[in-house]
Amino acid sequence: MLAVLQRVTASSVSVEGREVAAIGKGLMLLLGVLEGDTEADAEKLLAKTLHLRIFADEAGKMNRSLLDVGGELLVVSQFTLAADVKKGRRPSFDAAARPAEAERLYRHFITQASRSAPVRHGVFGAHMDVRIANDGPVTLMIDSKTL
């Protein structure tokens, strides 16, 4: 699984002009599910996400996690993270998991995350308008295969 994780002061997702999810202080996670990913990948990625110390402590150092600061998590499915742009000018998405499997693992990730933190999410497969107020900016790319 691939994730682009952004520390935010606020983030929201709208579908067809209607807001479907919004958070305040926390993390926006764009989630790409790859062919061959499993629940174990989702759980490794989630553990890293929840415990990464990327929020400031009293001294201004990145020493606090999402759980430490009581932040929220917004998860949005994004198959385009699987893009291969090595050849030509049109990205290939062959590495992305098939939609049914991607949705199953996306929902698994959200269910597991909901056990530890307030979680909101986008609409799987929908065209979404994602608003991100990146705090810092702090943006990280995470691959579950390297954890």
N, C-alpha and C. Protein backbone atom coordinates (compact mmCIF):
# COMPACT_ATOMS: atom_id res chain seq x y z
N MET A 1 0.85 -1.18 0.00
CA MET A 1 0.00 0.00 0.00
C MET A 1 0.89 1.23 0.00
N LEU A 2 0.38 2.23 -0.67
CA LEU A 2 1.09 3.50 -0.72
C LEU A 2 0.23 4.57 -0.06
N ALA A 3 0.89 5.49 0.63
CA ALA A 3 0.15 6.58 1.25
C ALA A 3 0.92 7.87 1.10
N VAL A 4 0.17 8.93 0.86
CA VAL A 4 0.69 10.29 0.99
C VAL A 4 -0.02 10.83 2.22
N LEU A 5 0.77 11.17 3.21
CA LEU A 5 0.26 11.59 4.51
C LEU A 5 0.60 13.06 4.72
N GLN A 6 -0.42 13.86 5.02
CA GLN A 6 -0.20 15.28 5.23
C GLN A 6 -0.73 15.71 6.59
N ARG A 7 0.11 16.43 7.32
CA ARG A 7 -0.34 17.02 8.58
C ARG A 7 -1.18 18.24 8.21
N VAL A 8 -2.39 18.33 8.76
CA VAL A 8 -3.31 19.39 8.36
C VAL A 8 -3.89 20.13 9.56
N THR A 9 -4.27 21.37 9.30
CA THR A 9 -5.07 22.11 10.27
C THR A 9 -6.54 21.87 10.00
N ALA A 10 -6.85 21.50 8.74
CA ALA A 10 -8.21 21.14 8.33
C ALA A 10 -8.14 20.47 6.97
N SER A 11 -9.12 19.61 6.70
CA SER A 11 -9.21 18.97 5.40
C SER A 11 -10.65 18.50 5.20
N SER A 12 -11.07 18.49 3.95
CA SER A 12 -12.44 18.05 3.66
C SER A 12 -12.51 17.39 2.29
N VAL A 13 -13.58 16.64 2.08
CA VAL A 13 -13.84 15.96 0.82
C VAL A 13 -15.28 16.22 0.43
N SER A 14 -15.47 16.62 -0.84
CA SER A 14 -16.81 16.84 -1.38
C SER A 14 -17.00 15.97 -2.61
N VAL A 15 -18.23 15.53 -2.80
CA VAL A 15 -18.63 14.78 -3.99
C VAL A 15 -19.84 15.48 -4.58
N GLU A 16 -19.75 15.85 -5.85
CA GLU A 16 -20.83 16.55 -6.55
C GLU A 16 -21.30 17.78 -5.77
N GLY A 17 -20.34 18.53 -5.24
CA GLY A 17 -20.64 19.77 -4.55
C GLY A 17 -21.13 19.63 -3.13
N ARG A 18 -21.22 18.39 -2.61
CA ARG A 18 -21.70 18.16 -1.25
C ARG A 18 -20.56 17.62 -0.39
N GLU A 19 -20.28 18.30 0.73
CA GLU A 19 -19.24 17.83 1.63
C GLU A 19 -19.65 16.51 2.26
N VAL A 20 -18.78 15.50 2.13
CA VAL A 20 -19.08 14.18 2.69
C VAL A 20 -18.24 13.87 3.92
N ALA A 21 -17.14 14.60 4.11
CA ALA A 21 -16.29 14.37 5.28
C ALA A 21 -15.40 15.59 5.50
N ALA A 22 -15.13 15.86 6.78
CA ALA A 22 -14.24 16.98 7.12
C ALA A 22 -13.59 16.69 8.46
N ILE A 23 -12.36 17.17 8.62
CA ILE A 23 -11.66 17.08 9.89
C ILE A 23 -11.02 18.42 10.21
N GLY A 24 -10.64 18.58 11.47
CA GLY A 24 -9.82 19.70 11.89
C GLY A 24 -8.38 19.23 11.96
N LYS A 25 -7.70 19.56 13.04
CA LYS A 25 -6.29 19.19 13.22
C LYS A 25 -6.13 17.67 13.13
N GLY A 26 -5.18 17.26 12.30
CA GLY A 26 -4.94 15.83 12.17
C GLY A 26 -4.13 15.49 10.95
N LEU A 27 -4.49 14.37 10.34
CA LEU A 27 -3.78 13.86 9.18
C LEU A 27 -4.74 13.55 8.04
N MET A 28 -4.35 13.97 6.85
CA MET A 28 -5.04 13.60 5.62
C MET A 28 -4.21 12.50 4.99
N LEU A 29 -4.84 11.37 4.70
CA LEU A 29 -4.12 10.23 4.15
C LEU A 29 -4.73 9.85 2.80
N LEU A 30 -3.95 10.00 1.75
CA LEU A 30 -4.33 9.54 0.42
C LEU A 30 -3.80 8.12 0.29
N LEU A 31 -4.69 7.15 0.07
CA LEU A 31 -4.35 5.73 0.14
C LEU A 31 -4.45 5.06 -1.22
N GLY A 32 -3.35 4.48 -1.64
CA GLY A 32 -3.31 3.70 -2.87
C GLY A 32 -3.11 2.24 -2.56
N VAL A 33 -4.00 1.40 -3.06
CA VAL A 33 -3.91 -0.04 -2.83
C VAL A 33 -3.34 -0.68 -4.09
N LEU A 34 -2.29 -1.47 -3.91
CA LEU A 34 -1.60 -2.11 -5.02
C LEU A 34 -1.98 -3.58 -5.14
N GLU A 35 -1.84 -4.10 -6.33
CA GLU A 35 -2.06 -5.53 -6.57
C GLU A 35 -1.16 -6.31 -5.61
N GLY A 36 -1.73 -7.28 -4.91
CA GLY A 36 -0.96 -8.09 -3.97
C GLY A 36 -0.96 -7.58 -2.54
N ASP A 37 -1.50 -6.40 -2.29
CA ASP A 37 -1.59 -5.89 -0.92
C ASP A 37 -2.55 -6.74 -0.10
N THR A 38 -2.30 -6.77 1.21
CA THR A 38 -3.10 -7.60 2.12
C THR A 38 -3.51 -6.78 3.35
N GLU A 39 -4.28 -7.42 4.23
CA GLU A 39 -4.64 -6.78 5.49
C GLU A 39 -3.39 -6.44 6.30
N ALA A 40 -2.37 -7.28 6.21
CA ALA A 40 -1.12 -7.02 6.94
C ALA A 40 -0.50 -5.70 6.47
N ASP A 41 -0.55 -5.41 5.18
CA ASP A 41 -0.04 -4.14 4.67
C ASP A 41 -0.83 -2.98 5.26
N ALA A 42 -2.16 -3.13 5.27
CA ALA A 42 -3.02 -2.08 5.83
C ALA A 42 -2.70 -1.83 7.29
N GLU A 43 -2.50 -2.88 8.05
CA GLU A 43 -2.25 -2.75 9.48
C GLU A 43 -0.87 -2.16 9.77
N LYS A 44 0.14 -2.52 8.97
CA LYS A 44 1.47 -1.91 9.14
C LYS A 44 1.42 -0.42 8.83
N LEU A 45 0.75 -0.09 7.74
CA LEU A 45 0.62 1.32 7.35
C LEU A 45 -0.15 2.11 8.39
N LEU A 46 -1.21 1.53 8.91
CA LEU A 46 -2.01 2.21 9.93
C LEU A 46 -1.20 2.43 11.20
N ALA A 47 -0.48 1.42 11.66
CA ALA A 47 0.32 1.57 12.88
C ALA A 47 1.34 2.69 12.71
N LYS A 48 1.98 2.73 11.56
CA LYS A 48 2.96 3.80 11.31
C LYS A 48 2.27 5.16 11.32
N THR A 49 1.12 5.25 10.66
CA THR A 49 0.37 6.51 10.57
C THR A 49 -0.02 7.01 11.95
N LEU A 50 -0.57 6.16 12.77
CA LEU A 50 -1.06 6.57 14.08
C LEU A 50 0.05 6.97 15.04
N HIS A 51 1.24 6.38 14.86
CA HIS A 51 2.32 6.59 15.84
C HIS A 51 3.47 7.47 15.36
N LEU A 52 3.42 7.92 14.10
CA LEU A 52 4.47 8.82 13.62
C LEU A 52 4.48 10.10 14.45
N ARG A 53 5.63 10.47 14.90
CA ARG A 53 5.75 11.69 15.72
C ARG A 53 6.02 12.88 14.81
N ILE A 54 4.93 13.45 14.29
CA ILE A 54 5.06 14.57 13.35
C ILE A 54 4.28 15.81 13.79
N PHE A 55 3.81 15.79 15.03
CA PHE A 55 3.15 16.97 15.61
C PHE A 55 4.09 17.57 16.66
N ALA A 56 4.05 18.89 16.77
CA ALA A 56 4.97 19.60 17.67
C ALA A 56 4.62 19.41 19.13
N ASP A 57 5.66 19.31 19.94
CA ASP A 57 5.48 19.33 21.40
C ASP A 57 5.61 20.78 21.88
N GLU A 58 5.69 20.98 23.20
CA GLU A 58 5.77 22.34 23.76
C GLU A 58 7.00 23.10 23.29
N ALA A 59 8.06 22.38 22.95
CA ALA A 59 9.30 23.01 22.50
C ALA A 59 9.32 23.22 20.98
N GLY A 60 8.25 22.85 20.30
CA GLY A 60 8.19 23.01 18.86
C GLY A 60 8.84 21.89 18.07
N LYS A 61 9.25 20.83 18.74
CA LYS A 61 9.88 19.67 18.09
C LYS A 61 8.82 18.66 17.69
N MET A 62 9.05 17.97 16.60
CA MET A 62 8.13 16.91 16.17
C MET A 62 8.30 15.71 17.09
N ASN A 63 7.52 15.67 18.15
CA ASN A 63 7.62 14.59 19.13
C ASN A 63 6.29 13.96 19.47
N ARG A 64 5.22 14.39 18.84
CA ARG A 64 3.89 13.86 19.19
C ARG A 64 3.23 13.20 17.98
N SER A 65 2.49 12.16 18.28
CA SER A 65 1.77 11.43 17.24
C SER A 65 0.33 11.93 17.14
N LEU A 66 -0.37 11.43 16.15
CA LEU A 66 -1.79 11.73 15.99
C LEU A 66 -2.54 11.35 17.27
N LEU A 67 -2.21 10.21 17.83
CA LEU A 67 -2.88 9.76 19.06
C LEU A 67 -2.54 10.68 20.23
N ASP A 68 -1.29 11.12 20.31
CA ASP A 68 -0.86 12.00 21.41
C ASP A 68 -1.62 13.33 21.41
N VAL A 69 -1.90 13.86 20.21
CA VAL A 69 -2.54 15.18 20.13
C VAL A 69 -4.06 15.08 19.99
N GLY A 70 -4.60 13.86 19.97
CA GLY A 70 -6.04 13.70 19.82
C GLY A 70 -6.55 14.18 18.47
N GLY A 71 -5.73 14.01 17.44
CA GLY A 71 -6.09 14.48 16.10
C GLY A 71 -7.03 13.53 15.38
N GLU A 72 -7.54 14.02 14.26
CA GLU A 72 -8.46 13.25 13.43
C GLU A 72 -7.73 12.76 12.17
N LEU A 73 -8.31 11.75 11.54
CA LEU A 73 -7.74 11.16 10.33
C LEU A 73 -8.78 11.19 9.22
N LEU A 74 -8.39 11.72 8.06
CA LEU A 74 -9.25 11.70 6.88
C LEU A 74 -8.58 10.82 5.84
N VAL A 75 -9.27 9.75 5.43
CA VAL A 75 -8.72 8.77 4.49
C VAL A 75 -9.46 8.89 3.16
N VAL A 76 -8.68 9.04 2.08
CA VAL A 76 -9.25 9.15 0.75
C VAL A 76 -8.53 8.15 -0.16
N SER A 77 -9.31 7.32 -0.83
CA SER A 77 -8.76 6.36 -1.77
C SER A 77 -8.22 7.09 -2.98
N GLN A 78 -7.00 6.70 -3.41
CA GLN A 78 -6.40 7.35 -4.57
C GLN A 78 -5.57 6.35 -5.36
N PHE A 79 -6.21 5.68 -6.32
CA PHE A 79 -5.53 4.66 -7.11
C PHE A 79 -4.40 5.26 -7.95
N THR A 80 -4.44 6.56 -8.21
CA THR A 80 -3.40 7.17 -9.05
C THR A 80 -2.03 7.15 -8.39
N LEU A 81 -1.96 6.84 -7.10
CA LEU A 81 -0.65 6.69 -6.45
C LEU A 81 0.12 5.52 -7.05
N ALA A 82 -0.59 4.59 -7.68
CA ALA A 82 0.04 3.42 -8.28
C ALA A 82 0.58 3.70 -9.69
N ALA A 83 0.52 4.93 -10.13
CA ALA A 83 0.89 5.27 -11.50
C ALA A 83 2.35 4.95 -11.81
N ASP A 84 2.55 4.42 -12.99
CA ASP A 84 3.88 4.21 -13.53
C ASP A 84 4.01 5.17 -14.71
N VAL A 85 4.96 6.08 -14.64
CA VAL A 85 5.11 7.11 -15.68
C VAL A 85 6.42 6.95 -16.45
N LYS A 86 7.02 5.76 -16.38
CA LYS A 86 8.31 5.55 -17.03
C LYS A 86 8.23 5.63 -18.55
N LYS A 87 7.14 5.10 -19.13
CA LYS A 87 7.02 5.04 -20.58
C LYS A 87 5.96 6.01 -21.07
N GLY A 88 6.25 6.67 -22.14
CA GLY A 88 5.27 7.53 -22.79
C GLY A 88 4.82 8.69 -21.93
N ARG A 89 3.64 9.22 -22.27
CA ARG A 89 3.12 10.39 -21.58
C ARG A 89 1.83 10.12 -20.83
N ARG A 90 1.32 8.92 -20.97
CA ARG A 90 0.10 8.55 -20.26
C ARG A 90 0.48 7.57 -19.16
N PRO A 91 0.08 7.85 -17.89
CA PRO A 91 0.42 6.94 -16.79
C PRO A 91 -0.25 5.58 -16.97
N SER A 92 0.45 4.56 -16.53
CA SER A 92 -0.11 3.21 -16.48
C SER A 92 -0.51 2.93 -15.04
N PHE A 93 -1.68 2.34 -14.86
CA PHE A 93 -2.16 2.01 -13.52
C PHE A 93 -2.25 0.50 -13.31
N ASP A 94 -1.44 -0.25 -14.06
CA ASP A 94 -1.47 -1.71 -13.97
C ASP A 94 -1.12 -2.22 -12.57
N ALA A 95 -0.36 -1.46 -11.81
CA ALA A 95 0.04 -1.91 -10.47
C ALA A 95 -1.06 -1.75 -9.44
N ALA A 96 -2.09 -1.00 -9.76
CA ALA A 96 -3.19 -0.78 -8.82
C ALA A 96 -4.01 -2.06 -8.66
N ALA A 97 -4.48 -2.28 -7.43
CA ALA A 97 -5.36 -3.43 -7.17
C ALA A 97 -6.66 -3.26 -7.93
N ARG A 98 -7.28 -4.36 -8.27
CA ARG A 98 -8.59 -4.30 -8.91
C ARG A 98 -9.58 -3.63 -7.97
N PRO A 99 -10.58 -2.93 -8.49
CA PRO A 99 -11.48 -2.13 -7.65
C PRO A 99 -12.11 -2.87 -6.46
N ALA A 100 -12.59 -4.07 -6.64
CA ALA A 100 -13.24 -4.79 -5.54
C ALA A 100 -12.26 -5.06 -4.40
N GLU A 101 -11.05 -5.47 -4.74
CA GLU A 101 -10.05 -5.76 -3.71
C GLU A 101 -9.55 -4.46 -3.08
N ALA A 102 -9.37 -3.43 -3.88
CA ALA A 102 -8.93 -2.14 -3.35
C ALA A 102 -9.96 -1.59 -2.36
N GLU A 103 -11.23 -1.69 -2.71
CA GLU A 103 -12.27 -1.19 -1.81
C GLU A 103 -12.31 -1.99 -0.52
N ARG A 104 -12.15 -3.31 -0.63
CA ARG A 104 -12.15 -4.16 0.57
C ARG A 104 -11.03 -3.75 1.52
N LEU A 105 -9.83 -3.54 1.00
CA LEU A 105 -8.69 -3.17 1.85
C LEU A 105 -8.81 -1.73 2.35
N TYR A 106 -9.35 -0.85 1.55
CA TYR A 106 -9.61 0.53 1.96
C TYR A 106 -10.56 0.53 3.16
N ARG A 107 -11.63 -0.23 3.06
CA ARG A 107 -12.61 -0.30 4.16
C ARG A 107 -12.00 -0.98 5.40
N HIS A 108 -11.15 -1.97 5.19
CA HIS A 108 -10.46 -2.62 6.30
C HIS A 108 -9.58 -1.59 7.03
N PHE A 109 -8.85 -0.80 6.27
CA PHE A 109 -7.99 0.24 6.85
C PHE A 109 -8.83 1.19 7.71
N ILE A 110 -9.94 1.65 7.18
CA ILE A 110 -10.81 2.59 7.89
C ILE A 110 -11.38 1.97 9.16
N THR A 111 -11.84 0.73 9.06
CA THR A 111 -12.40 0.03 10.23
C THR A 111 -11.36 -0.10 11.33
N GLN A 112 -10.16 -0.51 10.95
CA GLN A 112 -9.09 -0.66 11.94
C GLN A 112 -8.70 0.69 12.54
N ALA A 113 -8.62 1.72 11.72
CA ALA A 113 -8.25 3.05 12.19
C ALA A 113 -9.28 3.58 13.17
N SER A 114 -10.55 3.30 12.91
CA SER A 114 -11.65 3.79 13.76
C SER A 114 -11.58 3.27 15.18
N ARG A 115 -10.83 2.22 15.39
CA ARG A 115 -10.67 1.66 16.73
C ARG A 115 -9.73 2.49 17.60
N SER A 116 -8.96 3.38 16.95
CA SER A 116 -7.94 4.14 17.68
C SER A 116 -8.11 5.65 17.62
N ALA A 117 -8.74 6.15 16.58
CA ALA A 117 -8.81 7.61 16.38
C ALA A 117 -10.11 7.97 15.66
N PRO A 118 -10.53 9.24 15.76
CA PRO A 118 -11.68 9.68 14.97
C PRO A 118 -11.31 9.66 13.48
N VAL A 119 -12.10 8.96 12.69
CA VAL A 119 -11.79 8.78 11.27
C VAL A 119 -12.97 9.22 10.42
N ARG A 120 -12.67 9.95 9.36
CA ARG A 120 -13.63 10.31 8.33
C ARG A 120 -13.04 9.79 7.03
N HIS A 121 -13.87 9.66 6.00
CA HIS A 121 -13.34 9.13 4.75
C HIS A 121 -14.13 9.64 3.55
N GLY A 122 -13.49 9.54 2.40
CA GLY A 122 -14.12 9.91 1.15
C GLY A 122 -15.04 8.80 0.66
N VAL A 123 -15.47 8.91 -0.58
CA VAL A 123 -16.36 7.93 -1.21
C VAL A 123 -15.52 7.14 -2.21
N PHE A 124 -15.35 5.86 -1.95
CA PHE A 124 -14.52 5.03 -2.82
C PHE A 124 -15.02 5.09 -4.26
N GLY A 125 -14.11 5.35 -5.19
CA GLY A 125 -14.42 5.35 -6.60
C GLY A 125 -15.07 6.62 -7.14
N ALA A 126 -15.42 7.54 -6.27
CA ALA A 126 -16.08 8.77 -6.71
C ALA A 126 -15.04 9.80 -7.15
N HIS A 127 -15.49 10.74 -7.98
CA HIS A 127 -14.67 11.90 -8.31
C HIS A 127 -14.85 12.87 -7.14
N MET A 128 -13.76 13.20 -6.46
CA MET A 128 -13.85 13.99 -5.23
C MET A 128 -13.08 15.29 -5.35
N ASP A 129 -13.57 16.30 -4.67
CA ASP A 129 -12.88 17.56 -4.49
C ASP A 129 -12.29 17.50 -3.09
N VAL A 130 -10.96 17.45 -3.01
CA VAL A 130 -10.28 17.31 -1.72
C VAL A 130 -9.62 18.63 -1.38
N ARG A 131 -9.94 19.15 -0.22
CA ARG A 131 -9.35 20.39 0.27
C ARG A 131 -8.40 20.04 1.42
N ILE A 132 -7.20 20.60 1.33
CA ILE A 132 -6.17 20.28 2.31
C ILE A 132 -5.49 21.57 2.76
N ALA A 133 -5.56 21.84 4.06
CA ALA A 133 -4.81 22.95 4.64
C ALA A 133 -3.59 22.32 5.31
N ASN A 134 -2.54 22.12 4.51
CA ASN A 134 -1.33 21.44 4.98
C ASN A 134 -0.63 22.32 6.01
N ASP A 135 -0.32 21.74 7.15
CA ASP A 135 0.29 22.43 8.27
C ASP A 135 1.79 22.20 8.26
N GLY A 136 2.55 23.21 7.92
CA GLY A 136 4.01 23.10 7.96
C GLY A 136 4.71 23.72 6.77
N PRO A 137 4.62 23.16 5.59
CA PRO A 137 3.92 21.94 5.23
C PRO A 137 4.68 20.69 5.67
N VAL A 138 3.92 19.69 6.07
CA VAL A 138 4.47 18.38 6.39
C VAL A 138 3.75 17.36 5.51
N THR A 139 4.52 16.72 4.62
CA THR A 139 3.98 15.72 3.72
C THR A 139 4.97 14.55 3.65
N LEU A 140 4.46 13.34 3.86
CA LEU A 140 5.30 12.14 3.85
C LEU A 140 4.72 11.12 2.88
N MET A 141 5.59 10.37 2.24
CA MET A 141 5.18 9.25 1.41
C MET A 141 5.58 7.97 2.13
N ILE A 142 4.65 7.03 2.21
CA ILE A 142 4.91 5.79 2.94
C ILE A 142 4.50 4.61 2.05
N ASP A 143 5.37 3.61 1.99
CA ASP A 143 5.10 2.37 1.27
C ASP A 143 5.10 1.24 2.29
N SER A 144 3.98 0.53 2.42
CA SER A 144 3.88 -0.53 3.42
C SER A 144 4.92 -1.61 3.22
N LYS A 145 5.40 -1.78 2.01
CA LYS A 145 6.38 -2.83 1.72
C LYS A 145 7.75 -2.51 2.31
N THR A 146 7.98 -1.25 2.66
CA THR A 146 9.29 -0.88 3.21
C THR A 146 9.25 -0.71 4.73
N LEU A 147 8.11 -0.98 5.35
CA LEU A 147 7.99 -0.81 6.80
C LEU A 147 8.43 -2.07 7.53
